[in-house]
PDB file of N, CA and C in Angstrom:
ATOM      1  N   UNK A   1      37.511 -15.680 -19.663  1.00  0.00           N
ATOM      2  CA  UNK A   1      36.105 -15.985 -19.430  1.00  0.00           C
ATOM      3  C   UNK A   1      35.268 -14.832 -19.963  1.00  0.00           C
ATOM      4  N   UNK A   2      34.235 -15.152 -20.665  1.00  0.00           N
ATOM      5  CA  UNK A   2      33.367 -14.148 -21.271  1.00  0.00           C
ATOM      6  C   UNK A   2      32.303 -13.685 -20.287  1.00  0.00           C
ATOM      7  N   UNK A   3      32.016 -12.393 -20.316  1.00  0.00           N
ATOM      8  CA  UNK A   3      30.945 -11.838 -19.497  1.00  0.00           C
ATOM      9  C   UNK A   3      29.637 -11.800 -20.265  1.00  0.00           C
ATOM     10  N   UNK A   4      29.646 -12.363 -21.451  1.00  0.00           N
ATOM     11  CA  UNK A   4      28.475 -12.341 -22.304  1.00  0.00           C
ATOM     12  C   UNK A   4      27.404 -13.292 -21.759  1.00  0.00           C
ATOM     13  N   UNK A   5      26.159 -12.790 -21.603  1.00  0.00           N
ATOM     14  CA  UNK A   5      25.080 -13.678 -21.135  1.00  0.00           C
ATOM     15  C   UNK A   5      24.883 -14.843 -22.104  1.00  0.00           C
ATOM     16  N   UNK A   6      24.483 -15.976 -21.547  1.00  0.00           N
ATOM     17  CA  UNK A   6      24.208 -17.127 -22.403  1.00  0.00           C
ATOM     18  C   UNK A   6      22.800 -17.634 -22.123  1.00  0.00           C
ATOM     19  N   UNK A   7      22.174 -18.238 -23.105  1.00  0.00           N
ATOM     20  CA  UNK A   7      20.808 -18.730 -22.910  1.00  0.00           C
ATOM     21  C   UNK A   7      20.795 -20.023 -22.085  1.00  0.00           C
ATOM     22  N   UNK A   8      19.880 -20.062 -21.141  1.00  0.00           N
ATOM     23  CA  UNK A   8      19.668 -21.240 -20.300  1.00  0.00           C
ATOM     24  C   UNK A   8      18.213 -21.649 -20.464  1.00  0.00           C
ATOM     25  N   UNK A   9      17.967 -22.941 -20.615  1.00  0.00           N
ATOM     26  CA  UNK A   9      16.604 -23.442 -20.732  1.00  0.00           C
ATOM     27  C   UNK A   9      16.098 -23.860 -19.358  1.00  0.00           C
ATOM     28  N   UNK A  10      14.921 -23.340 -18.991  1.00  0.00           N
ATOM     29  CA  UNK A  10      14.269 -23.737 -17.745  1.00  0.00           C
ATOM     30  C   UNK A  10      12.868 -24.225 -18.085  1.00  0.00           C
ATOM     31  N   UNK A  11      12.318 -25.048 -17.207  1.00  0.00           N
ATOM     32  CA  UNK A  11      10.997 -25.614 -17.421  1.00  0.00           C
ATOM     33  C   UNK A  11      10.092 -25.171 -16.280  1.00  0.00           C
ATOM     34  N   UNK A  12       8.987 -24.514 -16.640  1.00  0.00           N
ATOM     35  CA  UNK A  12       8.023 -24.054 -15.648  1.00  0.00           C
ATOM     36  C   UNK A  12       6.635 -24.482 -16.100  1.00  0.00           C
ATOM     37  N   UNK A  13       5.969 -25.245 -15.267  1.00  0.00           N
ATOM     38  CA  UNK A  13       4.644 -25.803 -15.568  1.00  0.00           C
ATOM     39  C   UNK A  13       4.599 -26.502 -16.927  1.00  0.00           C
ATOM     40  N   UNK A  14       5.656 -27.261 -17.192  1.00  0.00           N
ATOM     41  CA  UNK A  14       5.697 -28.045 -18.417  1.00  0.00           C
ATOM     42  C   UNK A  14       6.060 -27.265 -19.666  1.00  0.00           C
ATOM     43  N   UNK A  15       6.354 -26.005 -19.536  1.00  0.00           N
ATOM     44  CA  UNK A  15       6.749 -25.166 -20.670  1.00  0.00           C
ATOM     45  C   UNK A  15       8.234 -24.848 -20.560  1.00  0.00           C
ATOM     46  N   UNK A  16       8.930 -24.899 -21.699  1.00  0.00           N
ATOM     47  CA  UNK A  16      10.341 -24.539 -21.715  1.00  0.00           C
ATOM     48  C   UNK A  16      10.495 -23.066 -22.050  1.00  0.00           C
ATOM     49  N   UNK A  17      11.414 -22.422 -21.337  1.00  0.00           N
ATOM     50  CA  UNK A  17      11.713 -21.017 -21.561  1.00  0.00           C
ATOM     51  C   UNK A  17      13.221 -20.854 -21.688  1.00  0.00           C
ATOM     52  N   UNK A  18      13.645 -20.093 -22.703  1.00  0.00           N
ATOM     53  CA  UNK A  18      15.057 -19.753 -22.861  1.00  0.00           C
ATOM     54  C   UNK A  18      15.258 -18.406 -22.195  1.00  0.00           C
ATOM     55  N   UNK A  19      16.143 -18.382 -21.203  1.00  0.00           N
ATOM     56  CA  UNK A  19      16.388 -17.178 -20.431  1.00  0.00           C
ATOM     57  C   UNK A  19      17.857 -16.800 -20.572  1.00  0.00           C
ATOM     58  N   UNK A  20      18.114 -15.533 -20.837  1.00  0.00           N
ATOM     59  CA  UNK A  20      19.477 -15.037 -20.902  1.00  0.00           C
ATOM     60  C   UNK A  20      20.028 -14.966 -19.480  1.00  0.00           C
ATOM     61  N   UNK A  21      21.239 -15.484 -19.298  1.00  0.00           N
ATOM     62  CA  UNK A  21      21.783 -15.611 -17.955  1.00  0.00           C
ATOM     63  C   UNK A  21      23.239 -15.161 -17.930  1.00  0.00           C
ATOM     64  N   UNK A  22      23.583 -14.363 -16.918  1.00  0.00           N
ATOM     65  CA  UNK A  22      24.968 -13.924 -16.739  1.00  0.00           C
ATOM     66  C   UNK A  22      25.839 -15.122 -16.359  1.00  0.00           C
ATOM     67  N   UNK A  23      27.090 -15.127 -16.806  1.00  0.00           N
ATOM     68  CA  UNK A  23      27.993 -16.223 -16.441  1.00  0.00           C
ATOM     69  C   UNK A  23      28.103 -16.357 -14.923  1.00  0.00           C
ATOM     70  N   UNK A  24      28.063 -17.594 -14.454  1.00  0.00           N
ATOM     71  CA  UNK A  24      28.168 -17.864 -13.032  1.00  0.00           C
ATOM     72  C   UNK A  24      26.838 -17.833 -12.298  1.00  0.00           C
ATOM     73  N   UNK A  25      25.777 -17.430 -12.971  1.00  0.00           N
ATOM     74  CA  UNK A  25      24.457 -17.331 -12.343  1.00  0.00           C
ATOM     75  C   UNK A  25      23.517 -18.462 -12.781  1.00  0.00           C
ATOM     76  N   UNK A  26      24.053 -19.432 -13.502  1.00  0.00           N
ATOM     77  CA  UNK A  26      23.210 -20.503 -14.042  1.00  0.00           C
ATOM     78  C   UNK A  26      22.489 -21.288 -12.947  1.00  0.00           C
ATOM     79  N   UNK A  27      23.195 -21.675 -11.913  1.00  0.00           N
ATOM     80  CA  UNK A  27      22.571 -22.452 -10.831  1.00  0.00           C
ATOM     81  C   UNK A  27      21.487 -21.635 -10.125  1.00  0.00           C
ATOM     82  N   UNK A  28      21.761 -20.365  -9.895  1.00  0.00           N
ATOM     83  CA  UNK A  28      20.768 -19.500  -9.246  1.00  0.00           C
ATOM     84  C   UNK A  28      19.514 -19.386 -10.107  1.00  0.00           C
ATOM     85  N   UNK A  29      19.692 -19.269 -11.415  1.00  0.00           N
ATOM     86  CA  UNK A  29      18.543 -19.186 -12.319  1.00  0.00           C
ATOM     87  C   UNK A  29      17.750 -20.493 -12.305  1.00  0.00           C
ATOM     88  N   UNK A  30      18.455 -21.602 -12.378  1.00  0.00           N
ATOM     89  CA  UNK A  30      17.766 -22.902 -12.350  1.00  0.00           C
ATOM     90  C   UNK A  30      17.023 -23.111 -11.026  1.00  0.00           C
ATOM     91  N   UNK A  31      17.649 -22.722  -9.919  1.00  0.00           N
ATOM     92  CA  UNK A  31      16.999 -22.849  -8.611  1.00  0.00           C
ATOM     93  C   UNK A  31      15.772 -21.946  -8.515  1.00  0.00           C
ATOM     94  N   UNK A  32      15.881 -20.744  -9.040  1.00  0.00           N
ATOM     95  CA  UNK A  32      14.735 -19.821  -9.039  1.00  0.00           C
ATOM     96  C   UNK A  32      13.591 -20.381  -9.881  1.00  0.00           C
ATOM     97  N   UNK A  33      13.924 -20.924 -11.030  1.00  0.00           N
ATOM     98  CA  UNK A  33      12.892 -21.497 -11.905  1.00  0.00           C
ATOM     99  C   UNK A  33      12.234 -22.699 -11.229  1.00  0.00           C
ATOM    100  N   UNK A  34      13.022 -23.546 -10.582  1.00  0.00           N
ATOM    101  CA  UNK A  34      12.456 -24.710  -9.891  1.00  0.00           C
ATOM    102  C   UNK A  34      11.558 -24.271  -8.730  1.00  0.00           C
ATOM    103  N   UNK A  35      11.976 -23.234  -8.010  1.00  0.00           N
ATOM    104  CA  UNK A  35      11.175 -22.711  -6.909  1.00  0.00           C
ATOM    105  C   UNK A  35       9.840 -22.179  -7.425  1.00  0.00           C
ATOM    106  N   UNK A  36       9.893 -21.396  -8.505  1.00  0.00           N
ATOM    107  CA  UNK A  36       8.671 -20.857  -9.103  1.00  0.00           C
ATOM    108  C   UNK A  36       7.787 -21.987  -9.638  1.00  0.00           C
ATOM    109  N   UNK A  37       8.392 -22.959 -10.284  1.00  0.00           N
ATOM    110  CA  UNK A  37       7.639 -24.097 -10.814  1.00  0.00           C
ATOM    111  C   UNK A  37       6.890 -24.813  -9.687  1.00  0.00           C
ATOM    112  N   UNK A  38       7.564 -25.037  -8.560  1.00  0.00           N
ATOM    113  CA  UNK A  38       6.912 -25.696  -7.423  1.00  0.00           C
ATOM    114  C   UNK A  38       5.758 -24.861  -6.884  1.00  0.00           C
ATOM    115  N   UNK A  39       5.966 -23.554  -6.751  1.00  0.00           N
ATOM    116  CA  UNK A  39       4.891 -22.684  -6.266  1.00  0.00           C
ATOM    117  C   UNK A  39       3.694 -22.721  -7.199  1.00  0.00           C
ATOM    118  N   UNK A  40       3.960 -22.659  -8.493  1.00  0.00           N
ATOM    119  CA  UNK A  40       2.869 -22.658  -9.468  1.00  0.00           C
ATOM    120  C   UNK A  40       2.137 -23.995  -9.456  1.00  0.00           C
ATOM    121  N   UNK A  41       2.862 -25.085  -9.277  1.00  0.00           N
ATOM    122  CA  UNK A  41       2.222 -26.402  -9.184  1.00  0.00           C
ATOM    123  C   UNK A  41       1.341 -26.503  -7.942  1.00  0.00           C
ATOM    124  N   UNK A  42       1.800 -25.921  -6.832  1.00  0.00           N
ATOM    125  CA  UNK A  42       0.985 -25.901  -5.611  1.00  0.00           C
ATOM    126  C   UNK A  42      -0.329 -25.164  -5.856  1.00  0.00           C
ATOM    127  N   UNK A  43      -0.241 -24.026  -6.515  1.00  0.00           N
ATOM    128  CA  UNK A  43      -1.443 -23.237  -6.798  1.00  0.00           C
ATOM    129  C   UNK A  43      -2.366 -24.004  -7.739  1.00  0.00           C
ATOM    130  N   UNK A  44      -1.780 -24.619  -8.761  1.00  0.00           N
ATOM    131  CA  UNK A  44      -2.591 -25.392  -9.707  1.00  0.00           C
ATOM    132  C   UNK A  44      -3.265 -26.562  -9.010  1.00  0.00           C
ATOM    133  N   UNK A  45      -2.563 -27.206  -8.090  1.00  0.00           N
ATOM    134  CA  UNK A  45      -3.123 -28.381  -7.413  1.00  0.00           C
ATOM    135  C   UNK A  45      -4.251 -28.009  -6.440  1.00  0.00           C
ATOM    136  N   UNK A  46      -4.338 -26.731  -6.071  1.00  0.00           N
ATOM    137  CA  UNK A  46      -5.428 -26.300  -5.188  1.00  0.00           C
ATOM    138  C   UNK A  46      -6.767 -26.406  -5.905  1.00  0.00           C
ATOM    139  N   UNK A  47      -6.717 -26.432  -7.238  1.00  0.00           N
ATOM    140  CA  UNK A  47      -7.934 -26.586  -8.026  1.00  0.00           C
ATOM    141  C   UNK A  47      -8.752 -25.322  -8.182  1.00  0.00           C
ATOM    142  N   UNK A  48      -8.337 -24.228  -7.554  1.00  0.00           N
ATOM    143  CA  UNK A  48      -9.108 -22.992  -7.616  1.00  0.00           C
ATOM    144  C   UNK A  48      -8.742 -22.145  -8.827  1.00  0.00           C
ATOM    145  N   UNK A  49      -7.529 -22.296  -9.322  1.00  0.00           N
ATOM    146  CA  UNK A  49      -7.053 -21.495 -10.445  1.00  0.00           C
ATOM    147  C   UNK A  49      -6.670 -22.448 -11.563  1.00  0.00           C
ATOM    148  N   UNK A  50      -7.184 -22.181 -12.752  1.00  0.00           N
ATOM    149  CA  UNK A  50      -6.967 -23.119 -13.848  1.00  0.00           C
ATOM    150  C   UNK A  50      -5.970 -22.638 -14.901  1.00  0.00           C
ATOM    151  N   UNK A  51      -6.074 -21.409 -15.373  1.00  0.00           N
ATOM    152  CA  UNK A  51      -5.221 -20.983 -16.485  1.00  0.00           C
ATOM    153  C   UNK A  51      -3.797 -20.713 -16.001  1.00  0.00           C
ATOM    154  N   UNK A  52      -2.846 -20.983 -16.880  1.00  0.00           N
ATOM    155  CA  UNK A  52      -1.439 -20.761 -16.545  1.00  0.00           C
ATOM    156  C   UNK A  52      -1.179 -19.293 -16.226  1.00  0.00           C
ATOM    157  N   UNK A  53      -1.850 -18.419 -16.954  1.00  0.00           N
ATOM    158  CA  UNK A  53      -1.665 -16.986 -16.727  1.00  0.00           C
ATOM    159  C   UNK A  53      -2.111 -16.599 -15.315  1.00  0.00           C
ATOM    160  N   UNK A  54      -3.260 -17.083 -14.899  1.00  0.00           N
ATOM    161  CA  UNK A  54      -3.755 -16.762 -13.553  1.00  0.00           C
ATOM    162  C   UNK A  54      -2.890 -17.416 -12.474  1.00  0.00           C
ATOM    163  N   UNK A  55      -2.393 -18.611 -12.753  1.00  0.00           N
ATOM    164  CA  UNK A  55      -1.487 -19.282 -11.817  1.00  0.00           C
ATOM    165  C   UNK A  55      -0.218 -18.440 -11.661  1.00  0.00           C
ATOM    166  N   UNK A  56       0.311 -17.933 -12.771  1.00  0.00           N
ATOM    167  CA  UNK A  56       1.516 -17.104 -12.729  1.00  0.00           C
ATOM    168  C   UNK A  56       1.271 -15.823 -11.936  1.00  0.00           C
ATOM    169  N   UNK A  57       0.121 -15.193 -12.136  1.00  0.00           N
ATOM    170  CA  UNK A  57      -0.201 -13.965 -11.406  1.00  0.00           C
ATOM    171  C   UNK A  57      -0.334 -14.256  -9.915  1.00  0.00           C
ATOM    172  N   UNK A  58      -1.000 -15.337  -9.564  1.00  0.00           N
ATOM    173  CA  UNK A  58      -1.154 -15.691  -8.151  1.00  0.00           C
ATOM    174  C   UNK A  58       0.211 -15.989  -7.509  1.00  0.00           C
ATOM    175  N   UNK A  59       1.060 -16.710  -8.235  1.00  0.00           N
ATOM    176  CA  UNK A  59       2.399 -17.012  -7.713  1.00  0.00           C
ATOM    177  C   UNK A  59       3.195 -15.722  -7.543  1.00  0.00           C
ATOM    178  N   UNK A  60       3.111 -14.827  -8.514  1.00  0.00           N
ATOM    179  CA  UNK A  60       3.825 -13.553  -8.420  1.00  0.00           C
ATOM    180  C   UNK A  60       3.327 -12.729  -7.240  1.00  0.00           C
ATOM    181  N   UNK A  61       2.025 -12.689  -7.034  1.00  0.00           N
ATOM    182  CA  UNK A  61       1.473 -11.949  -5.897  1.00  0.00           C
ATOM    183  C   UNK A  61       1.920 -12.558  -4.567  1.00  0.00           C
ATOM    184  N   UNK A  62       1.869 -13.872  -4.472  1.00  0.00           N
ATOM    185  CA  UNK A  62       2.299 -14.546  -3.236  1.00  0.00           C
ATOM    186  C   UNK A  62       3.777 -14.289  -2.946  1.00  0.00           C
ATOM    187  N   UNK A  63       4.612 -14.412  -3.970  1.00  0.00           N
ATOM    188  CA  UNK A  63       6.044 -14.198  -3.785  1.00  0.00           C
ATOM    189  C   UNK A  63       6.341 -12.736  -3.468  1.00  0.00           C
ATOM    190  N   UNK A  64       5.629 -11.808  -4.118  1.00  0.00           N
ATOM    191  CA  UNK A  64       5.807 -10.387  -3.829  1.00  0.00           C
ATOM    192  C   UNK A  64       5.450 -10.079  -2.384  1.00  0.00           C
ATOM    193  N   UNK A  65       4.363 -10.674  -1.925  1.00  0.00           N
ATOM    194  CA  UNK A  65       3.946 -10.477  -0.536  1.00  0.00           C
ATOM    195  C   UNK A  65       5.034 -10.965   0.424  1.00  0.00           C
ATOM    196  N   UNK A  66       5.590 -12.137   0.152  1.00  0.00           N
ATOM    197  CA  UNK A  66       6.642 -12.687   1.003  1.00  0.00           C
ATOM    198  C   UNK A  66       7.891 -11.808   0.996  1.00  0.00           C
ATOM    199  N   UNK A  67       8.275 -11.324  -0.177  1.00  0.00           N
ATOM    200  CA  UNK A  67       9.460 -10.469  -0.283  1.00  0.00           C
ATOM    201  C   UNK A  67       9.251  -9.181   0.506  1.00  0.00           C
ATOM    202  N   UNK A  68       8.090  -8.561   0.351  1.00  0.00           N
ATOM    203  CA  UNK A  68       7.818  -7.315   1.062  1.00  0.00           C
ATOM    204  C   UNK A  68       7.761  -7.528   2.570  1.00  0.00           C
ATOM    205  N   UNK A  69       7.183  -8.645   3.003  1.00  0.00           N
ATOM    206  CA  UNK A  69       7.134  -8.949   4.435  1.00  0.00           C
ATOM    207  C   UNK A  69       8.548  -9.142   4.990  1.00  0.00           C
ATOM    208  N   UNK A  70       9.399  -9.836   4.253  1.00  0.00           N
ATOM    209  CA  UNK A  70      10.784 -10.032   4.689  1.00  0.00           C
ATOM    210  C   UNK A  70      11.547  -8.711   4.698  1.00  0.00           C
ATOM    211  N   UNK A  71      11.303  -7.870   3.689  1.00  0.00           N
ATOM    212  CA  UNK A  71      11.969  -6.565   3.641  1.00  0.00           C
ATOM    213  C   UNK A  71      11.583  -5.733   4.862  1.00  0.00           C
ATOM    214  N   UNK A  72      10.286  -5.736   5.210  1.00  0.00           N
ATOM    215  CA  UNK A  72       9.821  -4.988   6.370  1.00  0.00           C
ATOM    216  C   UNK A  72      10.448  -5.529   7.655  1.00  0.00           C
ATOM    217  N   UNK A  73      10.559  -6.856   7.749  1.00  0.00           N
ATOM    218  CA  UNK A  73      11.154  -7.468   8.935  1.00  0.00           C
ATOM    219  C   UNK A  73      12.633  -7.104   9.042  1.00  0.00           C
ATOM    220  N   UNK A  74      13.350  -7.164   7.939  1.00  0.00           N
ATOM    221  CA  UNK A  74      14.769  -6.808   7.945  1.00  0.00           C
ATOM    222  C   UNK A  74      14.937  -5.342   8.332  1.00  0.00           C
ATOM    223  N   UNK A  75      14.076  -4.489   7.813  1.00  0.00           N
ATOM    224  CA  UNK A  75      14.135  -3.068   8.140  1.00  0.00           C
ATOM    225  C   UNK A  75      13.902  -2.856   9.639  1.00  0.00           C
ATOM    226  N   UNK A  76      12.912  -3.536  10.185  1.00  0.00           N
ATOM    227  CA  UNK A  76      12.627  -3.425  11.625  1.00  0.00           C
ATOM    228  C   UNK A  76      13.797  -3.969  12.444  1.00  0.00           C
ATOM    229  N   UNK A  77      14.368  -5.090  11.995  1.00  0.00           N
ATOM    230  CA  UNK A  77      15.524  -5.662  12.693  1.00  0.00           C
ATOM    231  C   UNK A  77      16.714  -4.708  12.634  1.00  0.00           C
ATOM    232  N   UNK A  78      16.915  -4.046  11.469  1.00  0.00           N
ATOM    233  CA  UNK A  78      17.996  -3.076  11.336  1.00  0.00           C
ATOM    234  C   UNK A  78      17.803  -1.910  12.295  1.00  0.00           C
ATOM    235  N   UNK A  79      16.568  -1.430  12.401  1.00  0.00           N
ATOM    236  CA  UNK A  79      16.271  -0.325  13.321  1.00  0.00           C
ATOM    237  C   UNK A  79      16.573  -0.732  14.762  1.00  0.00           C
ATOM    238  N   UNK A  80      16.149  -1.934  15.124  1.00  0.00           N
ATOM    239  CA  UNK A  80      16.377  -2.426  16.483  1.00  0.00           C
ATOM    240  C   UNK A  80      17.872  -2.583  16.749  1.00  0.00           C
ATOM    241  N   UNK A  81      18.591  -3.109  15.775  1.00  0.00           N
ATOM    242  CA  UNK A  81      20.032  -3.276  15.915  1.00  0.00           C
ATOM    243  C   UNK A  81      20.708  -1.918  16.057  1.00  0.00           C
ATOM    244  N   UNK A  82      20.276  -0.946  15.281  1.00  0.00           N
ATOM    245  CA  UNK A  82      20.838   0.396  15.365  1.00  0.00           C
ATOM    246  C   UNK A  82      20.631   1.004  16.743  1.00  0.00           C
ATOM    247  N   UNK A  83      19.438   0.822  17.306  1.00  0.00           N
ATOM    248  CA  UNK A  83      19.168   1.328  18.659  1.00  0.00           C
ATOM    249  C   UNK A  83      20.051   0.625  19.689  1.00  0.00           C
ATOM    250  N   UNK A  84      20.235  -0.666  19.530  1.00  0.00           N
ATOM    251  CA  UNK A  84      21.058  -1.439  20.472  1.00  0.00           C
ATOM    252  C   UNK A  84      22.522  -0.994  20.391  1.00  0.00           C
ATOM    253  N   UNK A  85      23.011  -0.775  19.179  1.00  0.00           N
ATOM    254  CA  UNK A  85      24.398  -0.323  19.003  1.00  0.00           C
ATOM    255  C   UNK A  85      24.582   1.056  19.639  1.00  0.00           C
ATOM    256  N   UNK A  86      23.620   1.956  19.432  1.00  0.00           N
ATOM    257  CA  UNK A  86      23.694   3.292  20.024  1.00  0.00           C
ATOM    258  C   UNK A  86      23.714   3.191  21.548  1.00  0.00           C
ATOM    259  N   UNK A  87      22.878   2.341  22.110  1.00  0.00           N
ATOM    260  CA  UNK A  87      22.839   2.163  23.551  1.00  0.00           C
ATOM    261  C   UNK A  87      24.182   1.656  24.077  1.00  0.00           C
ATOM    262  N   UNK A  88      24.762   0.687  23.390  1.00  0.00           N
ATOM    263  CA  UNK A  88      26.062   0.150  23.810  1.00  0.00           C
ATOM    264  C   UNK A  88      27.163   1.203  23.673  1.00  0.00           C
ATOM    265  N   UNK A  89      27.126   1.978  22.592  1.00  0.00           N
ATOM    266  CA  UNK A  89      28.111   3.034  22.390  1.00  0.00           C
ATOM    267  C   UNK A  89      28.007   4.075  23.507  1.00  0.00           C
ATOM    268  N   UNK A  90      26.775   4.441  23.863  1.00  0.00           N
ATOM    269  CA  UNK A  90      26.572   5.401  24.960  1.00  0.00           C
ATOM    270  C   UNK A  90      27.131   4.865  26.270  1.00  0.00           C
ATOM    271  N   UNK A  91      26.919   3.576  26.538  1.00  0.00           N
ATOM    272  CA  UNK A  91      27.436   2.970  27.771  1.00  0.00           C
ATOM    273  C   UNK A  91      28.963   2.958  27.781  1.00  0.00           C
ATOM    274  N   UNK A  92      29.572   2.659  26.630  1.00  0.00           N
ATOM    275  CA  UNK A  92      31.035   2.646  26.539  1.00  0.00           C
ATOM    276  C   UNK A  92      31.576   4.053  26.764  1.00  0.00           C
ATOM    277  N   UNK A  93      30.947   5.043  26.130  1.00  0.00           N
ATOM    278  CA  UNK A  93      31.395   6.429  26.317  1.00  0.00           C
ATOM    279  C   UNK A  93      31.263   6.857  27.773  1.00  0.00           C
ATOM    280  N   UNK A  94      30.173   6.488  28.412  1.00  0.00           N
ATOM    281  CA  UNK A  94      29.970   6.816  29.818  1.00  0.00           C
ATOM    282  C   UNK A  94      31.046   6.153  30.683  1.00  0.00           C
ATOM    283  N   UNK A  95      31.332   4.890  30.406  1.00  0.00           N
ATOM    284  CA  UNK A  95      32.361   4.179  31.165  1.00  0.00           C
ATOM    285  C   UNK A  95      33.732   4.812  30.946  1.00  0.00           C
ATOM    286  N   UNK A  96      34.049   5.211  29.725  1.00  0.00           N
ATOM    287  CA  UNK A  96      35.330   5.856  29.439  1.00  0.00           C
ATOM    288  C   UNK A  96      35.419   7.206  30.138  1.00  0.00           C
ATOM    289  N   UNK A  97      34.337   7.950  30.138  1.00  0.00           N
ATOM    290  CA  UNK A  97      34.326   9.246  30.827  1.00  0.00           C
ATOM    291  C   UNK A  97      34.520   9.060  32.329  1.00  0.00           C
ATOM    292  N   UNK A  98      33.875   8.056  32.895  1.00  0.00           N
ATOM    293  CA  UNK A  98      34.043   7.779  34.326  1.00  0.00           C
ATOM    294  C   UNK A  98      35.489   7.412  34.631  1.00  0.00           C
ATOM    295  N   UNK A  99      36.116   6.616  33.750  1.00  0.00           N
ATOM    296  CA  UNK A  99      37.514   6.218  33.943  1.00  0.00           C
ATOM    297  C   UNK A  99      38.430   7.428  33.848  1.00  0.00           C
ATOM    298  N   UNK A 100      38.184   8.300  32.880  1.00  0.00           N
ATOM    299  CA  UNK A 100      38.992   9.500  32.726  1.00  0.00           C
ATOM    300  C   UNK A 100      38.891  10.398  33.956  1.00  0.00           C
ATOM    301  N   UNK A 101      37.718  10.515  34.537  1.00  0.00           N
ATOM    302  CA  UNK A 101      37.530  11.356  35.714  1.00  0.00           C
ATOM    303  C   UNK A 101      38.264  10.764  36.915  1.00  0.00           C
ATOM    304  N   UNK A 102      38.316   9.431  37.021  1.00  0.00           N
ATOM    305  CA  UNK A 102      39.036   8.794  38.121  1.00  0.00           C
ATOM    306  C   UNK A 102      40.540   9.040  38.013  1.00  0.00           C
ATOM    307  N   UNK A 103      41.072   9.116  36.791  1.00  0.00           N
ATOM    308  CA  UNK A 103      42.481   9.310  36.570  1.00  0.00           C
ATOM    309  C   UNK A 103      42.900  10.747  36.907  1.00  0.00           C
ATOM    310  N   UNK A 104      41.971  11.694  36.794  1.00  0.00           N
ATOM    311  CA  UNK A 104      42.306  13.096  37.089  1.00  0.00           C
ATOM    312  C   UNK A 104      42.438  13.245  38.558  1.00  0.00           C
TER     313      UNK A 104
END
């Protein structure tokens, strides 16, 4: 099997684009293109933005905002999980120390 990227054609807002794609990533690329196409169509259908370039910028800004919000949430969840693990570890150590003292 070749690791050489191959061109994949995707359609976004009625325009075809040839995108170089790593082997095995074709479905992910097509799904990403379809997701972007749907977002751009939603923005276009709002009637507030007309040019394809402005639609693309608005879609990119919206998606960037969502990615950053999710990253912040994951980071906060990681911090909370880390605190919970530390608390549980402290409780286990305390319980083990209590058991060791009973055995003496």
